[in-house]
N, C-alpha and C. Protein backbone atom coordinates (compact mmCIF):
# COMPACT_ATOMS: atom_id res chain seq x y z
N MET A 1 102.17 101.85 99.81
CA MET A 1 102.01 102.78 98.71
C MET A 1 102.38 102.09 97.39
N LYS A 2 101.65 102.44 96.33
CA LYS A 2 101.89 101.82 95.02
C LYS A 2 103.30 102.16 94.52
N ASN A 3 103.91 101.20 93.82
CA ASN A 3 105.24 101.39 93.26
C ASN A 3 105.28 102.60 92.31
N GLU A 4 104.21 102.77 91.52
CA GLU A 4 104.22 103.88 90.55
C GLU A 4 104.27 105.23 91.26
N PHE A 5 103.70 105.33 92.47
CA PHE A 5 103.76 106.59 93.22
C PHE A 5 105.20 106.93 93.60
N LYS A 6 105.98 105.91 93.96
CA LYS A 6 107.40 106.14 94.29
C LYS A 6 108.16 106.62 93.06
N VAL A 7 107.86 106.01 91.92
CA VAL A 7 108.52 106.41 90.67
C VAL A 7 108.14 107.86 90.32
N ILE A 8 106.86 108.19 90.44
CA ILE A 8 106.41 109.57 90.17
C ILE A 8 107.10 110.54 91.12
N ALA A 9 107.13 110.20 92.40
CA ALA A 9 107.76 111.08 93.40
C ALA A 9 109.23 111.31 93.09
N ASN A 10 109.91 110.29 92.57
CA ASN A 10 111.33 110.43 92.22
C ASN A 10 111.56 111.36 91.03
N LEU A 11 110.52 111.59 90.23
CA LEU A 11 110.65 112.50 89.08
C LEU A 11 110.49 113.98 89.48
N ILE A 12 110.04 114.22 90.71
CA ILE A 12 109.76 115.58 91.17
C ILE A 12 110.77 115.99 92.23
N GLU A 13 111.41 117.15 92.02
CA GLU A 13 112.37 117.64 93.00
C GLU A 13 111.64 118.16 94.24
N ARG A 14 112.38 118.32 95.32
CA ARG A 14 111.82 118.87 96.56
C ARG A 14 111.37 120.31 96.36
N ASP A 15 110.45 120.75 97.21
CA ASP A 15 110.02 122.16 97.29
C ASP A 15 109.36 122.69 96.02
N LYS A 16 108.73 121.86 95.26
CA LYS A 16 108.05 122.30 94.04
C LYS A 16 106.55 122.46 94.30
N LYS A 17 105.85 123.02 93.31
CA LYS A 17 104.40 123.18 93.37
C LYS A 17 103.78 122.20 92.39
N VAL A 18 102.87 121.34 92.89
CA VAL A 18 102.33 120.23 92.09
C VAL A 18 100.81 120.21 92.16
N LEU A 19 100.18 119.92 91.01
CA LEU A 19 98.74 119.68 90.95
C LEU A 19 98.55 118.21 90.58
N ASP A 20 97.82 117.47 91.43
CA ASP A 20 97.51 116.06 91.17
C ASP A 20 96.07 116.00 90.65
N VAL A 21 95.94 115.72 89.35
CA VAL A 21 94.62 115.69 88.69
C VAL A 21 94.07 114.26 88.77
N GLY A 22 92.88 114.13 89.35
CA GLY A 22 92.33 112.80 89.60
C GLY A 22 93.07 112.16 90.76
N CYS A 23 93.18 112.92 91.85
CA CYS A 23 94.05 112.54 92.97
C CYS A 23 93.49 111.41 93.83
N ALA A 24 92.26 110.96 93.56
CA ALA A 24 91.63 109.85 94.32
C ALA A 24 91.62 110.15 95.81
N ASP A 25 92.17 109.23 96.62
CA ASP A 25 92.10 109.41 98.08
C ASP A 25 93.27 110.23 98.64
N GLY A 26 94.13 110.74 97.75
CA GLY A 26 95.21 111.63 98.19
C GLY A 26 96.49 110.94 98.64
N THR A 27 96.62 109.65 98.38
CA THR A 27 97.81 108.90 98.82
C THR A 27 99.10 109.51 98.27
N LEU A 28 99.13 109.78 96.96
CA LEU A 28 100.32 110.38 96.36
C LEU A 28 100.56 111.78 96.91
N MET A 29 99.50 112.57 97.02
CA MET A 29 99.63 113.94 97.54
C MET A 29 100.25 113.94 98.94
N LYS A 30 99.75 113.07 99.80
CA LYS A 30 100.22 112.98 101.19
C LYS A 30 101.71 112.62 101.21
N TYR A 31 102.10 111.67 100.37
CA TYR A 31 103.50 111.25 100.29
C TYR A 31 104.40 112.41 99.84
N LEU A 32 103.97 113.13 98.79
CA LEU A 32 104.76 114.25 98.28
C LEU A 32 104.90 115.35 99.33
N LYS A 33 103.83 115.63 100.02
CA LYS A 33 103.82 116.68 101.04
C LYS A 33 104.75 116.32 102.20
N GLU A 34 104.66 115.08 102.66
CA GLU A 34 105.41 114.65 103.84
C GLU A 34 106.87 114.33 103.55
N ASN A 35 107.18 113.84 102.36
CA ASN A 35 108.54 113.37 102.07
C ASN A 35 109.37 114.29 101.19
N LYS A 36 108.72 115.20 100.47
CA LYS A 36 109.48 116.06 99.56
C LYS A 36 109.15 117.54 99.74
N ASN A 37 108.41 117.86 100.79
CA ASN A 37 108.03 119.25 101.08
C ASN A 37 107.39 119.92 99.87
N ILE A 38 106.53 119.21 99.20
CA ILE A 38 105.86 119.70 97.99
C ILE A 38 104.60 120.47 98.39
N ASP A 39 104.42 121.63 97.74
CA ASP A 39 103.16 122.38 97.86
C ASP A 39 102.21 121.73 96.85
N VAL A 40 101.35 120.82 97.33
CA VAL A 40 100.55 120.00 96.42
C VAL A 40 99.06 120.29 96.59
N ARG A 41 98.39 120.37 95.45
CA ARG A 41 96.93 120.56 95.39
C ARG A 41 96.35 119.42 94.58
N GLY A 42 95.05 119.18 94.77
CA GLY A 42 94.41 118.10 94.03
C GLY A 42 93.12 118.55 93.36
N LEU A 43 92.80 117.87 92.27
CA LEU A 43 91.52 118.04 91.57
C LEU A 43 90.93 116.64 91.44
N GLU A 44 89.71 116.46 91.95
CA GLU A 44 89.11 115.12 91.98
C GLU A 44 87.61 115.23 91.69
N ILE A 45 87.10 114.32 90.85
CA ILE A 45 85.70 114.36 90.44
C ILE A 45 84.75 113.74 91.48
N SER A 46 85.25 112.81 92.29
CA SER A 46 84.42 112.12 93.27
C SER A 46 84.30 112.90 94.58
N LYS A 47 83.08 113.23 94.93
CA LYS A 47 82.82 113.97 96.18
C LYS A 47 83.35 113.21 97.40
N ASP A 48 83.15 111.89 97.44
CA ASP A 48 83.61 111.08 98.57
C ASP A 48 85.13 111.10 98.70
N LYS A 49 85.82 111.01 97.55
CA LYS A 49 87.28 111.02 97.59
C LYS A 49 87.82 112.40 97.97
N VAL A 50 87.12 113.45 97.56
CA VAL A 50 87.49 114.81 97.98
C VAL A 50 87.41 114.90 99.50
N GLN A 51 86.34 114.34 100.08
CA GLN A 51 86.18 114.33 101.54
C GLN A 51 87.30 113.54 102.22
N ASP A 52 87.68 112.41 101.62
CA ASP A 52 88.82 111.61 102.14
C ASP A 52 90.07 112.48 102.22
N CYS A 53 90.35 113.19 101.14
CA CYS A 53 91.55 114.04 101.06
C CYS A 53 91.51 115.15 102.11
N ILE A 54 90.37 115.81 102.21
CA ILE A 54 90.23 116.91 103.16
C ILE A 54 90.42 116.41 104.59
N SER A 55 89.91 115.20 104.88
CA SER A 55 90.06 114.63 106.22
C SER A 55 91.53 114.33 106.54
N LYS A 56 92.36 114.21 105.50
CA LYS A 56 93.80 113.99 105.69
C LYS A 56 94.57 115.31 105.72
N GLY A 57 93.83 116.43 105.67
CA GLY A 57 94.49 117.75 105.71
C GLY A 57 95.06 118.18 104.36
N LEU A 58 94.54 117.61 103.28
CA LEU A 58 95.04 117.94 101.93
C LEU A 58 94.13 118.97 101.27
N THR A 59 94.71 119.78 100.39
CA THR A 59 93.97 120.81 99.67
C THR A 59 93.49 120.25 98.34
N VAL A 60 92.19 119.96 98.26
CA VAL A 60 91.62 119.35 97.07
C VAL A 60 90.32 120.05 96.72
N ILE A 61 90.09 120.27 95.42
CA ILE A 61 88.81 120.80 94.99
C ILE A 61 88.10 119.75 94.13
N GLU A 62 86.79 119.76 94.21
CA GLU A 62 86.00 118.85 93.41
C GLU A 62 85.88 119.44 92.01
N GLY A 63 86.17 118.63 91.01
CA GLY A 63 86.06 119.12 89.64
C GLY A 63 86.38 118.06 88.62
N ASN A 64 86.01 118.35 87.39
CA ASN A 64 86.23 117.48 86.24
C ASN A 64 87.34 118.10 85.40
N ALA A 65 88.42 117.35 85.19
CA ALA A 65 89.58 117.87 84.47
C ALA A 65 89.24 118.36 83.07
N GLU A 66 88.26 117.73 82.41
CA GLU A 66 87.92 118.14 81.05
C GLU A 66 87.31 119.54 81.01
N LYS A 67 86.70 119.96 82.11
CA LYS A 67 86.07 121.29 82.15
C LYS A 67 86.82 122.26 83.05
N ASP A 68 87.34 121.77 84.17
CA ASP A 68 87.79 122.67 85.23
C ASP A 68 89.28 123.03 85.22
N LEU A 69 90.09 122.36 84.42
CA LEU A 69 91.50 122.76 84.33
C LEU A 69 91.64 124.16 83.72
N SER A 70 90.65 124.56 82.94
CA SER A 70 90.68 125.87 82.28
C SER A 70 90.68 127.02 83.30
N GLN A 71 90.29 126.75 84.55
CA GLN A 71 90.27 127.79 85.58
C GLN A 71 91.66 128.11 86.13
N PHE A 72 92.64 127.23 85.88
CA PHE A 72 93.99 127.45 86.40
C PHE A 72 94.80 128.31 85.43
N PRO A 73 95.58 129.26 85.94
CA PRO A 73 96.41 130.09 85.06
C PRO A 73 97.53 129.28 84.39
N ASN A 74 98.06 129.82 83.29
CA ASN A 74 99.18 129.20 82.58
C ASN A 74 100.38 129.03 83.51
N LYS A 75 101.01 127.86 83.42
CA LYS A 75 102.25 127.55 84.15
C LYS A 75 102.15 127.88 85.64
N SER A 76 100.99 127.61 86.23
CA SER A 76 100.81 127.92 87.66
C SER A 76 101.37 126.81 88.57
N PHE A 77 101.80 125.69 87.98
CA PHE A 77 102.41 124.61 88.76
C PHE A 77 103.71 124.18 88.08
N ASP A 78 104.66 123.69 88.89
CA ASP A 78 105.90 123.14 88.32
C ASP A 78 105.61 121.81 87.62
N TYR A 79 104.74 121.01 88.25
CA TYR A 79 104.36 119.71 87.69
C TYR A 79 102.86 119.51 87.83
N VAL A 80 102.26 118.89 86.82
CA VAL A 80 100.88 118.42 86.92
C VAL A 80 100.94 116.91 86.71
N VAL A 81 100.33 116.17 87.64
CA VAL A 81 100.35 114.71 87.58
C VAL A 81 98.98 114.19 87.18
N LEU A 82 98.97 113.26 86.23
CA LEU A 82 97.72 112.58 85.83
C LEU A 82 98.02 111.08 85.84
N ASN A 83 97.53 110.40 86.87
CA ASN A 83 97.88 109.00 87.08
C ASN A 83 96.74 108.06 86.65
N GLN A 84 96.99 107.30 85.58
CA GLN A 84 96.07 106.28 85.07
C GLN A 84 94.64 106.79 84.86
N THR A 85 94.52 107.99 84.30
CA THR A 85 93.21 108.58 84.10
C THR A 85 92.98 109.04 82.67
N LEU A 86 94.04 109.26 81.91
CA LEU A 86 93.92 109.83 80.56
C LEU A 86 92.95 109.04 79.68
N GLN A 87 93.00 107.71 79.80
CA GLN A 87 92.17 106.85 78.95
C GLN A 87 90.68 106.91 79.31
N ALA A 88 90.35 107.55 80.44
CA ALA A 88 88.95 107.62 80.88
C ALA A 88 88.24 108.90 80.42
N PHE A 89 88.97 109.81 79.78
CA PHE A 89 88.35 111.07 79.34
C PHE A 89 87.71 110.92 77.96
N LEU A 90 86.65 111.71 77.73
CA LEU A 90 86.03 111.76 76.40
C LEU A 90 87.00 112.35 75.40
N ASN A 91 87.76 113.37 75.83
CA ASN A 91 88.70 114.05 74.94
C ASN A 91 90.09 114.11 75.59
N PRO A 92 90.85 113.00 75.50
CA PRO A 92 92.15 112.97 76.15
C PRO A 92 93.14 114.00 75.61
N GLU A 93 93.03 114.34 74.33
CA GLU A 93 93.95 115.32 73.75
C GLU A 93 93.75 116.70 74.39
N LEU A 94 92.50 117.09 74.60
CA LEU A 94 92.18 118.35 75.27
C LEU A 94 92.77 118.38 76.67
N VAL A 95 92.60 117.29 77.42
CA VAL A 95 93.12 117.21 78.78
C VAL A 95 94.64 117.31 78.79
N LEU A 96 95.28 116.61 77.87
CA LEU A 96 96.74 116.65 77.77
C LEU A 96 97.23 118.07 77.49
N ASN A 97 96.56 118.76 76.58
CA ASN A 97 96.93 120.15 76.27
C ASN A 97 96.76 121.05 77.48
N GLU A 98 95.70 120.82 78.25
CA GLU A 98 95.45 121.61 79.46
C GLU A 98 96.51 121.32 80.54
N LEU A 99 96.89 120.06 80.69
CA LEU A 99 97.95 119.71 81.65
C LEU A 99 99.23 120.47 81.33
N LEU A 100 99.57 120.50 80.03
CA LEU A 100 100.81 121.14 79.59
C LEU A 100 100.72 122.65 79.60
N ARG A 101 99.53 123.19 79.63
CA ARG A 101 99.34 124.63 79.76
C ARG A 101 99.46 125.05 81.23
N VAL A 102 98.83 124.29 82.11
CA VAL A 102 98.78 124.61 83.54
C VAL A 102 100.12 124.33 84.23
N GLY A 103 100.79 123.26 83.80
CA GLY A 103 102.06 122.89 84.41
C GLY A 103 103.24 123.17 83.51
N LYS A 104 104.39 123.46 84.13
CA LYS A 104 105.62 123.61 83.34
C LYS A 104 106.00 122.26 82.74
N LYS A 105 105.72 121.19 83.52
CA LYS A 105 105.92 119.83 83.03
C LYS A 105 104.72 119.00 83.50
N ALA A 106 104.48 117.89 82.81
CA ALA A 106 103.40 116.98 83.21
C ALA A 106 103.97 115.57 83.34
N ILE A 107 103.43 114.85 84.32
CA ILE A 107 103.75 113.43 84.49
C ILE A 107 102.45 112.67 84.24
N VAL A 108 102.47 111.84 83.19
CA VAL A 108 101.28 111.10 82.79
C VAL A 108 101.59 109.61 82.87
N THR A 109 100.74 108.86 83.58
CA THR A 109 100.90 107.41 83.59
C THR A 109 99.70 106.79 82.88
N ILE A 110 99.99 105.73 82.12
CA ILE A 110 98.92 105.06 81.38
C ILE A 110 99.00 103.55 81.58
N PRO A 111 97.84 102.91 81.79
CA PRO A 111 97.84 101.44 81.77
C PRO A 111 98.09 101.01 80.32
N ASN A 112 98.96 100.03 80.15
CA ASN A 112 99.38 99.62 78.80
C ASN A 112 98.50 98.49 78.26
N PHE A 113 97.68 98.83 77.28
CA PHE A 113 96.81 97.82 76.65
C PHE A 113 97.60 96.93 75.69
N GLY A 114 98.89 97.24 75.50
CA GLY A 114 99.75 96.39 74.66
C GLY A 114 100.49 95.32 75.46
N TYR A 115 100.29 95.30 76.78
CA TYR A 115 100.96 94.35 77.68
C TYR A 115 100.63 92.91 77.27
N TRP A 116 101.61 92.01 77.35
CA TRP A 116 101.44 90.65 76.83
C TRP A 116 100.27 89.91 77.47
N LYS A 117 100.02 90.14 78.76
CA LYS A 117 98.90 89.43 79.42
C LYS A 117 97.55 89.89 78.86
N VAL A 118 97.47 91.17 78.52
CA VAL A 118 96.24 91.72 77.92
C VAL A 118 96.04 91.10 76.54
N ARG A 119 97.12 91.08 75.75
CA ARG A 119 97.04 90.50 74.39
C ARG A 119 96.67 89.01 74.46
N PHE A 120 97.33 88.30 75.37
CA PHE A 120 97.13 86.86 75.52
C PHE A 120 95.67 86.56 75.89
N HIS A 121 95.15 87.32 76.85
CA HIS A 121 93.77 87.14 77.30
C HIS A 121 92.78 87.33 76.15
N LEU A 122 92.98 88.42 75.40
CA LEU A 122 92.08 88.73 74.29
C LEU A 122 92.18 87.67 73.19
N LEU A 123 93.41 87.25 72.91
CA LEU A 123 93.64 86.28 71.83
C LEU A 123 93.06 84.90 72.17
N PHE A 124 93.31 84.43 73.38
CA PHE A 124 92.93 83.05 73.70
C PHE A 124 91.57 82.91 74.38
N LYS A 125 91.17 83.91 75.13
CA LYS A 125 89.85 83.82 75.78
C LYS A 125 88.78 84.53 74.97
N GLY A 126 89.20 85.49 74.15
CA GLY A 126 88.24 86.19 73.30
C GLY A 126 87.36 87.18 74.06
N THR A 127 87.77 87.55 75.28
CA THR A 127 87.02 88.53 76.07
C THR A 127 87.95 89.64 76.51
N MET A 128 87.37 90.76 76.88
CA MET A 128 88.18 91.89 77.34
C MET A 128 88.95 91.48 78.59
N PRO A 129 90.24 91.79 78.62
CA PRO A 129 91.09 91.31 79.71
C PRO A 129 90.86 92.03 81.03
N ILE A 130 91.12 91.30 82.11
CA ILE A 130 91.10 91.86 83.46
C ILE A 130 92.47 91.57 84.07
N THR A 131 93.17 92.63 84.48
CA THR A 131 94.48 92.48 85.11
C THR A 131 94.51 93.33 86.37
N LYS A 132 95.65 93.30 87.07
CA LYS A 132 95.81 94.11 88.28
C LYS A 132 95.65 95.59 87.95
N ILE A 133 96.21 96.02 86.82
CA ILE A 133 96.15 97.42 86.40
C ILE A 133 94.79 97.75 85.77
N LEU A 134 94.17 96.76 85.12
CA LEU A 134 92.86 96.94 84.47
C LEU A 134 91.84 96.00 85.12
N PRO A 135 91.35 96.35 86.32
CA PRO A 135 90.55 95.40 87.09
C PRO A 135 89.06 95.32 86.74
N ASP A 136 88.57 96.19 85.85
CA ASP A 136 87.13 96.25 85.60
C ASP A 136 86.69 95.39 84.43
N GLU A 137 85.41 95.02 84.45
CA GLU A 137 84.80 94.31 83.32
C GLU A 137 84.57 95.31 82.18
N TRP A 138 84.33 94.81 80.98
CA TRP A 138 84.14 95.70 79.82
C TRP A 138 82.98 96.66 80.03
N TYR A 139 81.93 96.25 80.73
CA TYR A 139 80.71 97.05 80.85
C TYR A 139 80.76 98.08 81.98
N ASN A 140 81.71 97.95 82.92
CA ASN A 140 81.77 98.94 84.00
C ASN A 140 83.13 99.64 84.09
N THR A 141 83.92 99.48 83.05
CA THR A 141 85.23 100.13 83.04
C THR A 141 85.09 101.63 82.75
N PRO A 142 85.90 102.44 83.41
CA PRO A 142 85.90 103.86 83.08
C PRO A 142 86.71 104.16 81.81
N ASN A 143 87.43 103.15 81.30
CA ASN A 143 88.32 103.37 80.17
C ASN A 143 87.56 103.47 78.86
N LEU A 144 87.69 104.64 78.23
CA LEU A 144 87.03 104.89 76.94
C LEU A 144 87.99 104.79 75.77
N HIS A 145 89.25 105.17 76.01
CA HIS A 145 90.25 105.21 74.94
C HIS A 145 91.41 104.31 75.31
N MET A 146 91.33 103.05 74.87
CA MET A 146 92.41 102.12 75.15
C MET A 146 93.67 102.59 74.43
N CYS A 147 94.79 102.53 75.12
CA CYS A 147 96.04 103.10 74.60
C CYS A 147 97.19 102.20 75.02
N THR A 148 98.18 102.08 74.16
CA THR A 148 99.39 101.34 74.52
C THR A 148 100.53 102.33 74.76
N ILE A 149 101.61 101.82 75.33
CA ILE A 149 102.81 102.66 75.51
C ILE A 149 103.26 103.19 74.16
N LYS A 150 103.24 102.32 73.16
CA LYS A 150 103.66 102.72 71.80
C LYS A 150 102.74 103.81 71.24
N ASP A 151 101.42 103.66 71.42
CA ASP A 151 100.47 104.68 70.98
C ASP A 151 100.79 106.04 71.60
N PHE A 152 100.98 106.05 72.92
CA PHE A 152 101.21 107.31 73.62
C PHE A 152 102.53 107.93 73.20
N PHE A 153 103.57 107.11 73.08
CA PHE A 153 104.90 107.57 72.67
C PHE A 153 104.83 108.28 71.31
N TYR A 154 104.16 107.63 70.34
CA TYR A 154 104.04 108.23 69.00
C TYR A 154 103.11 109.45 69.01
N PHE A 155 102.08 109.42 69.82
CA PHE A 155 101.15 110.53 69.90
C PHE A 155 101.86 111.81 70.36
N VAL A 156 102.61 111.73 71.46
CA VAL A 156 103.27 112.95 71.96
C VAL A 156 104.34 113.44 70.98
N LYS A 157 105.05 112.50 70.35
CA LYS A 157 106.05 112.89 69.34
C LYS A 157 105.38 113.65 68.18
N SER A 158 104.20 113.18 67.76
CA SER A 158 103.51 113.80 66.62
C SER A 158 102.95 115.18 66.97
N ARG A 159 102.84 115.49 68.24
CA ARG A 159 102.31 116.79 68.69
C ARG A 159 103.42 117.72 69.15
N ASP A 160 104.67 117.39 68.84
CA ASP A 160 105.84 118.19 69.25
C ASP A 160 105.89 118.42 70.75
N ILE A 161 105.53 117.39 71.49
CA ILE A 161 105.65 117.42 72.95
C ILE A 161 106.97 116.73 73.29
N LYS A 162 107.78 117.39 74.12
CA LYS A 162 109.08 116.82 74.48
C LYS A 162 108.89 115.75 75.56
N ILE A 163 109.54 114.60 75.36
CA ILE A 163 109.56 113.56 76.38
C ILE A 163 110.91 113.66 77.10
N PHE A 164 110.87 114.03 78.39
CA PHE A 164 112.10 114.11 79.17
C PHE A 164 112.49 112.74 79.69
N LYS A 165 111.49 111.98 80.09
CA LYS A 165 111.77 110.65 80.60
C LYS A 165 110.54 109.79 80.32
N SER A 166 110.78 108.57 79.86
CA SER A 166 109.68 107.62 79.68
C SER A 166 110.11 106.32 80.33
N LEU A 167 109.26 105.83 81.23
CA LEU A 167 109.60 104.66 82.02
C LEU A 167 108.54 103.58 81.87
N ALA A 168 108.98 102.34 81.88
CA ALA A 168 108.09 101.18 81.81
C ALA A 168 108.11 100.50 83.17
N LEU A 169 106.92 100.16 83.67
CA LEU A 169 106.82 99.43 84.93
C LEU A 169 106.22 98.06 84.66
N ASP A 170 106.84 97.05 85.24
CA ASP A 170 106.30 95.69 85.20
C ASP A 170 106.47 95.14 86.61
N ASN A 171 105.37 95.04 87.34
CA ASN A 171 105.41 94.68 88.75
C ASN A 171 106.31 95.66 89.50
N LEU A 172 107.45 95.20 90.01
CA LEU A 172 108.33 96.09 90.78
C LEU A 172 109.51 96.60 89.97
N ASN A 173 109.60 96.19 88.70
CA ASN A 173 110.74 96.60 87.86
C ASN A 173 110.42 97.86 87.08
N THR A 174 111.38 98.79 87.08
CA THR A 174 111.25 100.03 86.32
C THR A 174 112.40 100.10 85.33
N SER A 175 112.11 100.43 84.08
CA SER A 175 113.17 100.56 83.08
C SER A 175 112.83 101.70 82.13
N VAL A 176 113.85 102.20 81.44
CA VAL A 176 113.71 103.34 80.53
C VAL A 176 113.17 102.86 79.19
N ILE A 177 112.24 103.66 78.63
CA ILE A 177 111.72 103.40 77.28
C ILE A 177 112.42 104.35 76.32
N ASN A 178 112.88 103.82 75.18
CA ASN A 178 113.39 104.68 74.10
C ASN A 178 112.93 104.10 72.77
N GLU A 179 113.28 104.78 71.69
CA GLU A 179 112.77 104.33 70.37
C GLU A 179 113.26 102.94 70.01
N LYS A 180 114.47 102.57 70.47
CA LYS A 180 115.04 101.27 70.11
C LYS A 180 114.33 100.12 70.82
N ASN A 181 113.90 100.33 72.08
CA ASN A 181 113.30 99.22 72.82
C ASN A 181 111.78 99.36 72.98
N LEU A 182 111.19 100.28 72.23
CA LEU A 182 109.77 100.59 72.37
C LEU A 182 108.88 99.35 72.20
N GLY A 183 109.16 98.52 71.20
CA GLY A 183 108.36 97.32 70.96
C GLY A 183 108.40 96.35 72.12
N VAL A 184 109.59 96.16 72.69
CA VAL A 184 109.77 95.24 73.82
C VAL A 184 109.07 95.78 75.06
N LYS A 185 109.25 97.07 75.35
CA LYS A 185 108.61 97.67 76.53
C LYS A 185 107.09 97.66 76.39
N ASN A 186 106.62 97.87 75.17
CA ASN A 186 105.18 97.85 74.90
C ASN A 186 104.58 96.46 75.17
N LEU A 187 105.40 95.43 75.01
CA LEU A 187 104.95 94.06 75.22
C LEU A 187 105.03 93.64 76.68
N PHE A 188 106.08 94.09 77.38
CA PHE A 188 106.35 93.54 78.72
C PHE A 188 106.06 94.46 79.90
N ALA A 189 105.63 95.70 79.66
CA ALA A 189 105.30 96.60 80.77
C ALA A 189 103.79 96.74 80.90
N ASP A 190 103.29 96.73 82.14
CA ASP A 190 101.85 96.91 82.29
C ASP A 190 101.48 98.37 82.53
N LEU A 191 102.50 99.24 82.73
CA LEU A 191 102.24 100.67 82.97
C LEU A 191 103.36 101.50 82.36
N GLY A 192 102.99 102.62 81.73
CA GLY A 192 103.97 103.57 81.22
C GLY A 192 103.90 104.87 82.00
N ILE A 193 105.06 105.46 82.30
CA ILE A 193 105.13 106.75 83.00
C ILE A 193 105.95 107.70 82.14
N PHE A 194 105.34 108.85 81.83
CA PHE A 194 105.98 109.81 80.92
C PHE A 194 106.10 111.18 81.58
N LEU A 195 107.31 111.75 81.55
CA LEU A 195 107.54 113.12 81.99
C LEU A 195 107.66 113.96 80.72
N ILE A 196 106.71 114.87 80.52
CA ILE A 196 106.62 115.60 79.25
C ILE A 196 106.52 117.11 79.44
N GLU A 197 106.81 117.84 78.36
CA GLU A 197 106.73 119.30 78.37
C GLU A 197 106.39 119.78 76.98
N LYS A 198 105.58 120.85 76.91
CA LYS A 198 105.23 121.43 75.60
C LYS A 198 106.26 122.48 75.26
């Protein structure tokens, strides 16, 4: 299981109700259900991945977060998780607002385009970078809105969204992000994880 899934799972208490938006093959959902007794549901755009989830006994509906989150009632989940998907939406701000409407809290993870390897690649090779977190070529990437940890941190602050916890991941290391170390974490972390509330 991916390290970020363990970090996400540690942010959620046992016996809660969780919606995993863009749940892919259901790996995180299965872990939460089996290890933390979480009542977890999924929303996934890919028909094949929805079938994968259902074959694992998970409750998943096929849908697009930009359109279909509006069907969920206000605060119907304790947590809504969006893992490495925000940058792929046409309107990430709309999706973020919907996450915070549907969930009491949201956990959002973002691949960090400010990571030193990304900067180095762009500076010295002059081409869009490919890393473990960003494995696609420029022409087939789902990423529409490149974002750094610093961008996301300032964005949520400017929208009066409370940050309960912000974490930087670099390989297997996890550390806390705050205003004092934001520049350093933006440079050395390849993934940001944010626990937020409106």
